[in-house]
Amino acid sequence: MPLEAAPRSLDAAVTLGRSGLRVSPFCLGTMTFGEEWGLGVSAEESFRVLDAYLERGGNFLDTANIYNKGHSEAIIGDFFADGPGAGRRDRVVIATKFMGNLHPGDPNGGGGGRKAVLAACEESLRRLRTEYIDLYWAHFHDPHTPIDETMGALDALVRQGKVRYVGLSDHPAWICVQAQYESMLRGWAPLVAIQIEYSLLQRTVEADLMPMARALGFGVTPWSPLRGGVLTGKFTRASHPEPGTTRVTPESRFLVESTYRILDELAAISADLGATIPQVALRWVQQRPGVSSTIIGARTVPQLLDNLGALSLSLSPSQIERLDELSKPALPFPHEFLELVRSAIHNGSTINGVTPPPWPLSPKGDADRW
């Protein structure tokens, strides 16, 4: 999405990929609804967070069958069936996921097989207390099931009216492409979006997943835009939160000097803008080309409101450039190599306003690459 088109308010709806589904630019992630996993909140607090999100114009909720052993879905279901959200079910977009196994010892209790997919959908519908799921995600890649079997099962659910749209979460790019072309060739319901981890500390998705999504018209909904809390500003070189009070462990591979340099820049930018560090980190993600709706999590209403404040920010090109440079990822083969040899394609000619040096290039001390 171009910078000038980035939404500035929660009720400024965007279309999800090449679909007609309109969603809020920030999606409310509900993995913390329920306390079964030891990192969430009560149903009462979850209701307050949900109510605050909806009252400010949000319409996009993300959950999964396995979140807090199904309790997250049940809390959402109760909220809209006979709680504060009664009568508003059809005004929101509820996305949930399958793949996770809630039935120990049952090899068909999870995964992408037809038996598992159809059963998981029925179970989610019961917990959500609804007749349909707006967006049904395959939560992870199942290497033991052909992707065409999974896509066929999803198409059956769409045809039955139990699911409106389908997407893939945490799948390799080549699987996403195969899934979409299987659907196109067979006349099945197409994928409309992918869900991936994306943040200033996780940019390797820019190698294949993001370009693939833009080429195929998938909407992108990033999860963990604050890298599990590392990018909130709570972590400094000298001080970390007490173990057990955060999902981040003292041994986290992200608590390194390169991260602290990013946090230093986030602090400087937030001071210039009169914002908080999480708001700047969230705005950076939401302004990335191809991003549709960023998934934010909140355990309390104040935390939610702080995150929503990110939508009112506008990062300047120079601020984005500084963050981009500090967080630049090392991309896998062949991306770095292709940049190196791009001049062999252009050979001095100007294409799309870019004029590379003429071929052949000098190795410039990097002779081991030639």
Protein backbone atom coordinates (compact mmCIF):
# COMPACT_ATOMS: atom_id res chain seq x y z
CA MET A 1 0.00 0.00 0.00
CA PRO A 2 1.49 3.41 -0.90
CA LEU A 3 2.47 5.52 2.09
CA GLU A 4 -0.07 8.20 1.25
CA ALA A 5 -2.85 5.59 1.19
CA ALA A 6 -2.06 4.09 4.60
CA PRO A 7 -5.25 4.30 6.75
CA ARG A 8 -5.21 6.85 9.55
CA SER A 9 -8.15 5.57 11.61
CA LEU A 10 -9.56 2.23 12.75
CA ASP A 11 -12.81 2.66 10.81
CA ALA A 12 -11.01 3.39 7.50
CA ALA A 13 -11.73 -0.01 5.98
CA VAL A 14 -9.44 -1.70 3.48
CA THR A 15 -10.27 -4.56 1.13
CA LEU A 16 -8.56 -7.83 1.95
CA GLY A 17 -6.57 -8.79 -1.13
CA ARG A 18 -8.49 -9.36 -4.35
CA SER A 19 -11.79 -9.80 -2.50
CA GLY A 20 -14.72 -7.63 -1.58
CA LEU A 21 -14.20 -8.22 2.14
CA ARG A 22 -13.68 -4.91 3.98
CA VAL A 23 -11.67 -5.03 7.19
CA SER A 24 -10.15 -2.59 9.66
CA PRO A 25 -6.46 -1.71 9.19
CA PHE A 26 -5.76 -3.11 12.67
CA CYS A 27 -7.15 -6.56 13.41
CA LEU A 28 -7.74 -7.52 17.04
CA GLY A 29 -5.82 -10.69 17.84
CA THR A 30 -7.43 -12.71 20.62
CA MET A 31 -4.79 -15.27 21.61
CA THR A 32 -4.88 -13.74 25.12
CA PHE A 33 -8.63 -14.30 25.54
CA GLY A 34 -8.75 -16.98 28.22
CA GLU A 35 -6.24 -18.07 30.84
CA GLU A 36 -5.64 -21.73 30.01
CA TRP A 37 -2.19 -21.07 28.51
CA GLY A 38 -1.09 -18.92 31.43
CA LEU A 39 -0.59 -15.75 29.40
CA GLY A 40 -4.12 -14.46 28.90
CA VAL A 41 -6.92 -12.69 30.73
CA SER A 42 -10.38 -13.52 32.02
CA ALA A 43 -13.54 -13.51 29.93
CA GLU A 44 -14.65 -10.30 31.67
CA GLU A 45 -11.47 -8.44 30.71
CA SER A 46 -11.65 -9.90 27.21
CA PHE A 47 -15.18 -8.51 26.88
CA ARG A 48 -13.91 -5.05 27.85
CA VAL A 49 -11.14 -5.20 25.23
CA LEU A 50 -13.58 -6.40 22.56
CA ASP A 51 -16.08 -3.70 23.40
CA ALA A 52 -13.44 -0.95 23.29
CA TYR A 53 -12.16 -2.16 19.90
CA LEU A 54 -15.64 -2.30 18.35
CA GLU A 55 -16.74 1.02 19.82
CA ARG A 56 -13.80 2.71 18.07
CA GLY A 57 -14.82 1.34 14.69
CA GLY A 58 -12.92 -1.93 14.49
CA ASN A 59 -14.55 -4.88 12.74
CA PHE A 60 -11.84 -7.57 12.29
CA LEU A 61 -11.18 -10.30 14.90
CA ASP A 62 -8.59 -13.07 14.69
CA THR A 63 -8.62 -16.25 16.75
CA ALA A 64 -7.86 -19.98 16.37
CA ASN A 65 -9.36 -23.25 17.51
CA ILE A 66 -6.36 -23.99 19.75
CA TYR A 67 -6.05 -20.58 21.45
CA ASN A 68 -6.41 -21.29 25.16
CA LYS A 69 -7.76 -24.74 24.29
CA GLY A 70 -10.78 -23.32 22.50
CA HIS A 71 -11.69 -20.76 25.16
CA SER A 72 -10.74 -17.78 22.96
CA GLU A 73 -13.36 -18.81 20.40
CA ALA A 74 -15.90 -19.46 23.17
CA ILE A 75 -15.37 -15.99 24.65
CA ILE A 76 -15.98 -14.38 21.26
CA GLY A 77 -19.06 -16.55 20.79
CA ASP A 78 -20.48 -15.60 24.16
CA PHE A 79 -19.78 -11.90 23.56
CA PHE A 80 -21.89 -11.81 20.39
CA ALA A 81 -24.53 -14.35 21.37
CA ASP A 82 -25.74 -12.96 24.69
CA GLY A 83 -22.99 -10.61 25.94
CA PRO A 84 -22.23 -6.93 25.24
CA GLY A 85 -22.01 -7.62 21.51
CA ALA A 86 -25.41 -9.26 21.17
CA GLY A 87 -26.95 -8.36 17.82
CA ARG A 88 -23.64 -7.25 16.28
CA ARG A 89 -22.36 -10.58 14.94
CA ASP A 90 -23.12 -9.77 11.30
CA ARG A 91 -21.35 -6.40 11.58
CA VAL A 92 -17.93 -7.97 12.26
CA VAL A 93 -15.47 -10.15 10.40
CA ILE A 94 -14.53 -13.18 12.49
CA ALA A 95 -11.45 -15.08 11.37
CA THR A 96 -10.41 -18.34 12.97
CA LYS A 97 -7.96 -21.11 12.17
CA PHE A 98 -7.77 -24.89 11.98
CA MET A 99 -4.80 -27.34 11.95
CA GLY A 100 -4.13 -27.43 15.69
CA ASN A 101 -5.13 -30.70 17.39
CA LEU A 102 -7.36 -30.46 20.46
CA HIS A 103 -7.74 -34.24 20.75
CA PRO A 104 -4.67 -35.95 22.25
CA GLY A 105 -3.95 -39.32 20.71
CA ASP A 106 -6.15 -38.77 17.66
CA PRO A 107 -3.99 -38.46 14.51
CA ASN A 108 -7.02 -37.05 12.67
CA GLY A 109 -7.80 -34.51 15.38
CA GLY A 110 -5.75 -31.87 13.60
CA GLY A 111 -4.01 -31.18 10.33
CA GLY A 112 -5.14 -30.42 6.81
CA GLY A 113 -6.88 -33.67 5.89
CA ARG A 114 -10.54 -33.52 4.82
CA LYS A 115 -11.77 -35.37 7.92
CA ALA A 116 -9.88 -33.00 10.24
CA VAL A 117 -10.82 -29.80 8.41
CA LEU A 118 -14.54 -30.51 8.31
CA ALA A 119 -14.63 -31.60 11.96
CA ALA A 120 -12.59 -28.60 13.13
CA CYS A 121 -14.96 -26.22 11.36
CA GLU A 122 -18.00 -27.72 13.06
CA GLU A 123 -16.30 -27.47 16.45
CA SER A 124 -15.30 -23.83 15.87
CA LEU A 125 -18.83 -22.94 14.76
CA ARG A 126 -20.20 -24.39 18.01
CA ARG A 127 -17.71 -22.49 20.18
CA LEU A 128 -18.21 -19.26 18.25
CA ARG A 129 -22.00 -19.76 18.43
CA THR A 130 -22.38 -18.67 14.83
CA GLU A 131 -23.61 -20.17 11.58
CA TYR A 132 -20.60 -19.09 9.51
CA ILE A 133 -16.95 -18.11 9.68
CA ASP A 134 -15.99 -15.03 7.69
CA LEU A 135 -12.34 -15.99 7.08
CA TYR A 136 -11.00 -19.50 7.69
CA TRP A 137 -7.23 -19.84 7.92
CA ALA A 138 -5.11 -22.96 7.59
CA HIS A 139 -3.00 -22.24 10.67
CA PHE A 140 0.22 -24.01 9.66
CA HIS A 141 1.59 -26.00 6.75
CA ASP A 142 0.79 -29.71 7.15
CA PRO A 143 3.57 -31.60 5.29
CA HIS A 144 1.63 -34.87 5.57
CA THR A 145 -1.41 -33.74 3.56
CA PRO A 146 -1.48 -32.75 -0.13
CA ILE A 147 -2.44 -29.09 -0.37
CA ASP A 148 -5.11 -29.88 -2.97
CA GLU A 149 -6.94 -32.04 -0.39
CA THR A 150 -6.97 -29.14 2.08
CA MET A 151 -8.12 -26.65 -0.55
CA GLY A 152 -10.85 -29.05 -1.70
CA ALA A 153 -12.14 -29.35 1.86
CA LEU A 154 -12.15 -25.57 2.24
CA ASP A 155 -14.05 -25.20 -1.02
CA ALA A 156 -16.68 -27.63 0.28
CA LEU A 157 -17.13 -25.47 3.39
CA VAL A 158 -17.55 -22.36 1.26
CA ARG A 159 -20.14 -24.08 -0.92
CA GLN A 160 -22.01 -25.21 2.21
CA GLY A 161 -22.17 -21.59 3.42
CA LYS A 162 -20.17 -22.34 6.58
CA VAL A 163 -17.15 -20.29 5.44
CA ARG A 164 -17.05 -17.06 3.42
CA TYR A 165 -13.33 -16.67 2.56
CA VAL A 166 -10.18 -18.77 2.98
CA GLY A 167 -6.51 -18.03 3.57
CA LEU A 168 -3.19 -19.58 4.59
CA SER A 169 -1.24 -18.75 7.73
CA ASP A 170 2.46 -19.59 8.09
CA HIS A 171 2.92 -21.49 4.83
CA PRO A 172 5.94 -21.39 2.51
CA ALA A 173 5.50 -19.20 -0.55
CA TRP A 174 5.66 -22.12 -2.97
CA ILE A 175 2.82 -23.88 -1.14
CA CYS A 176 0.70 -20.72 -1.32
CA VAL A 177 1.26 -20.53 -5.07
CA GLN A 178 0.46 -24.22 -5.56
CA ALA A 179 -2.70 -23.89 -3.46
CA GLN A 180 -3.92 -20.90 -5.45
CA TYR A 181 -3.31 -22.52 -8.81
CA GLU A 182 -4.95 -25.78 -7.71
CA SER A 183 -8.01 -23.70 -6.81
CA MET A 184 -7.95 -21.73 -10.05
CA LEU A 185 -7.65 -24.84 -12.22
CA ARG A 186 -10.40 -26.71 -10.37
CA GLY A 187 -12.83 -23.82 -9.93
CA TRP A 188 -12.51 -23.85 -6.15
CA ALA A 189 -12.79 -20.92 -3.76
CA PRO A 190 -9.54 -18.96 -4.09
CA LEU A 191 -7.23 -17.81 -1.35
CA VAL A 192 -7.69 -14.13 -0.52
CA ALA A 193 -4.98 -13.58 2.10
CA ILE A 194 -1.95 -14.87 3.95
CA GLN A 195 -1.02 -14.41 7.60
CA ILE A 196 2.69 -14.17 8.39
CA GLU A 197 5.03 -12.92 11.08
CA TYR A 198 6.32 -9.47 10.09
CA SER A 199 8.08 -6.80 12.13
CA LEU A 200 11.25 -4.76 12.31
CA LEU A 201 12.84 -7.92 13.75
CA GLN A 202 11.33 -10.33 11.22
CA ARG A 203 11.77 -9.10 7.66
CA THR A 204 12.89 -12.28 5.88
CA VAL A 205 9.32 -12.52 4.55
CA GLU A 206 10.36 -9.76 2.14
CA ALA A 207 12.36 -12.33 0.17
CA ASP A 208 9.49 -14.44 -1.17
CA LEU A 209 6.23 -14.24 0.79
CA MET A 210 5.59 -10.51 0.39
CA PRO A 211 6.46 -10.33 -3.35
CA MET A 212 4.36 -13.47 -3.92
CA ALA A 213 1.39 -11.94 -2.09
CA ARG A 214 1.56 -8.75 -4.12
CA ALA A 215 1.88 -10.66 -7.40
CA LEU A 216 -1.11 -12.93 -6.66
CA GLY A 217 -3.26 -10.24 -5.04
CA PHE A 218 -3.28 -11.71 -1.54
CA GLY A 219 -4.02 -9.49 1.39
CA VAL A 220 -1.35 -9.70 4.11
CA THR A 221 -2.17 -9.72 7.83
CA PRO A 222 1.08 -9.61 9.84
CA TRP A 223 1.19 -11.18 13.28
CA SER A 224 3.59 -10.33 16.14
CA PRO A 225 4.37 -6.84 14.79
CA LEU A 226 6.05 -6.07 18.14
CA ARG A 227 8.01 -9.36 18.15
CA GLY A 228 6.25 -10.71 21.22
CA GLY A 229 6.91 -7.53 23.20
CA VAL A 230 10.59 -6.98 22.38
CA LEU A 231 9.68 -3.83 20.43
CA THR A 232 7.56 -2.28 23.18
CA GLY A 233 10.45 -0.40 24.78
CA LYS A 234 10.33 -2.51 27.96
CA PHE A 235 13.68 -4.08 27.09
CA THR A 236 16.88 -2.07 27.30
CA ARG A 237 20.56 -2.92 27.45
CA ALA A 238 20.52 -2.35 31.20
CA SER A 239 17.06 -3.56 32.21
CA HIS A 240 14.62 -6.34 31.31
CA PRO A 241 11.20 -7.14 32.77
CA GLU A 242 11.12 -9.82 35.46
CA PRO A 243 11.09 -13.38 34.02
CA GLY A 244 7.56 -14.71 33.90
CA THR A 245 5.97 -11.28 33.43
CA THR A 246 6.46 -11.37 29.65
CA ARG A 247 6.50 -13.95 26.87
CA VAL A 248 10.12 -13.02 26.10
CA THR A 249 12.72 -15.09 27.94
CA PRO A 250 16.09 -13.68 29.06
CA GLU A 251 17.73 -16.07 26.57
CA SER A 252 15.78 -14.68 23.59
CA ARG A 253 17.86 -14.50 20.42
CA PHE A 254 16.34 -11.06 19.79
CA LEU A 255 17.87 -9.43 22.89
CA VAL A 256 21.09 -8.44 21.13
CA GLU A 257 22.87 -5.23 20.21
CA SER A 258 21.29 -4.99 16.75
CA THR A 259 17.85 -4.98 18.40
CA TYR A 260 18.88 -2.28 20.86
CA ARG A 261 20.02 -0.07 18.00
CA ILE A 262 16.55 -0.41 16.45
CA LEU A 263 15.00 0.39 19.84
CA ASP A 264 17.23 3.47 20.13
CA GLU A 265 15.94 4.71 16.77
CA LEU A 266 12.34 3.92 17.70
CA ALA A 267 12.79 5.93 20.89
CA ALA A 268 14.21 8.89 18.96
CA ILE A 269 11.38 8.83 16.40
CA SER A 270 8.69 8.43 19.07
CA ALA A 271 10.12 11.43 20.92
CA ASP A 272 9.99 13.51 17.72
CA LEU A 273 6.38 12.49 17.06
CA GLY A 274 5.12 12.63 20.62
CA ALA A 275 4.25 8.95 20.36
CA THR A 276 5.19 5.70 22.10
CA ILE A 277 7.73 3.16 20.89
CA PRO A 278 5.08 0.47 20.17
CA GLN A 279 3.08 2.97 18.11
CA VAL A 280 6.05 3.73 15.86
CA ALA A 281 6.88 0.03 15.43
CA LEU A 282 3.26 -0.76 14.56
CA ARG A 283 3.01 2.11 12.10
CA TRP A 284 6.16 0.93 10.33
CA VAL A 285 4.54 -2.48 9.73
CA GLN A 286 1.18 -1.09 8.62
CA GLN A 287 2.85 1.18 6.05
CA ARG A 288 4.79 -1.66 4.38
CA PRO A 289 3.82 -2.24 0.75
CA GLY A 290 1.30 -5.07 0.50
CA VAL A 291 0.14 -5.06 4.13
CA SER A 292 -3.65 -4.99 4.53
CA SER A 293 -4.41 -5.31 8.24
CA THR A 294 -1.92 -5.73 11.09
CA ILE A 295 -2.88 -8.06 13.94
CA ILE A 296 -2.49 -6.39 17.33
CA GLY A 297 -2.92 -8.14 20.65
CA ALA A 298 -4.00 -6.48 23.87
CA ARG A 299 -4.56 -7.87 27.35
CA THR A 300 -6.07 -4.63 28.67
CA VAL A 301 -8.05 -1.67 27.33
CA PRO A 302 -5.20 0.85 27.95
CA GLN A 303 -2.82 -1.38 26.00
CA LEU A 304 -5.33 -1.60 23.15
CA LEU A 305 -5.84 2.17 23.05
CA ASP A 306 -2.09 2.79 22.95
CA ASN A 307 -1.73 0.40 20.02
CA LEU A 308 -4.62 2.01 18.15
CA GLY A 309 -2.86 5.34 18.47
CA ALA A 310 -0.35 4.11 15.90
CA LEU A 311 -2.91 4.69 13.14
CA SER A 312 -2.81 8.45 13.65
CA LEU A 313 0.95 8.63 13.08
CA SER A 314 2.71 9.49 9.86
CA LEU A 315 6.32 8.38 9.48
CA SER A 316 8.46 10.52 7.22
CA PRO A 317 10.53 8.97 4.41
CA SER A 318 13.72 9.68 6.35
CA GLN A 319 12.37 8.02 9.50
CA ILE A 320 11.34 4.96 7.50
CA GLU A 321 14.71 4.87 5.77
CA ARG A 322 16.57 4.87 9.09
CA LEU A 323 14.45 2.04 10.46
CA ASP A 324 14.77 0.10 7.21
CA GLU A 325 18.55 0.37 7.25
CA LEU A 326 18.87 -0.74 10.87
CA SER A 327 16.56 -3.73 10.36
CA LYS A 328 17.69 -4.78 6.88
CA PRO A 329 17.55 -8.60 6.74
CA ALA A 330 19.96 -11.05 5.20
CA LEU A 331 17.85 -12.69 2.50
CA PRO A 332 18.33 -16.28 1.33
CA PHE A 333 19.69 -17.30 -2.05
CA PRO A 334 19.17 -16.21 -4.79
CA HIS A 335 18.03 -12.70 -3.75
CA GLU A 336 21.39 -11.17 -2.88
CA PHE A 337 22.99 -12.77 -5.93
CA LEU A 338 20.26 -11.47 -8.23
CA GLU A 339 20.84 -7.93 -7.02
CA LEU A 340 24.54 -8.41 -7.71
CA VAL A 341 24.02 -9.50 -11.32
CA ARG A 342 21.08 -7.27 -12.20
CA SER A 343 23.39 -5.18 -14.39
CA ALA A 344 23.78 -8.19 -16.68
CA ILE A 345 20.08 -7.80 -17.54
CA HIS A 346 20.06 -4.03 -17.98
CA ASN A 347 23.68 -3.61 -19.15
CA GLY A 348 23.62 0.14 -18.75
CA SER A 349 20.08 0.72 -20.04
CA THR A 350 17.53 2.65 -18.00
CA ILE A 351 14.46 0.64 -16.96
CA ASN A 352 11.74 2.05 -14.72
CA GLY A 353 13.97 4.99 -13.91
CA VAL A 354 16.91 2.85 -12.74
CA THR A 355 20.26 2.92 -14.56
CA PRO A 356 22.70 0.30 -13.24
CA PRO A 357 26.41 0.34 -13.99
CA PRO A 358 27.42 -1.47 -17.19
CA TRP A 359 28.25 -5.17 -17.15
CA PRO A 360 30.63 -6.78 -16.24
CA LEU A 361 30.95 -5.54 -12.69
CA SER A 362 34.21 -5.54 -10.80
CA PRO A 363 34.26 -8.18 -8.02
CA LYS A 364 35.34 -5.37 -5.62
CA GLY A 365 37.13 -7.72 -3.30
CA ASP A 366 34.27 -10.23 -3.27
CA ALA A 367 35.98 -12.64 -5.64
CA ASP A 368 34.66 -15.72 -3.86
CA ARG A 369 31.22 -14.93 -5.23
CA TRP A 370 32.34 -15.21 -8.87
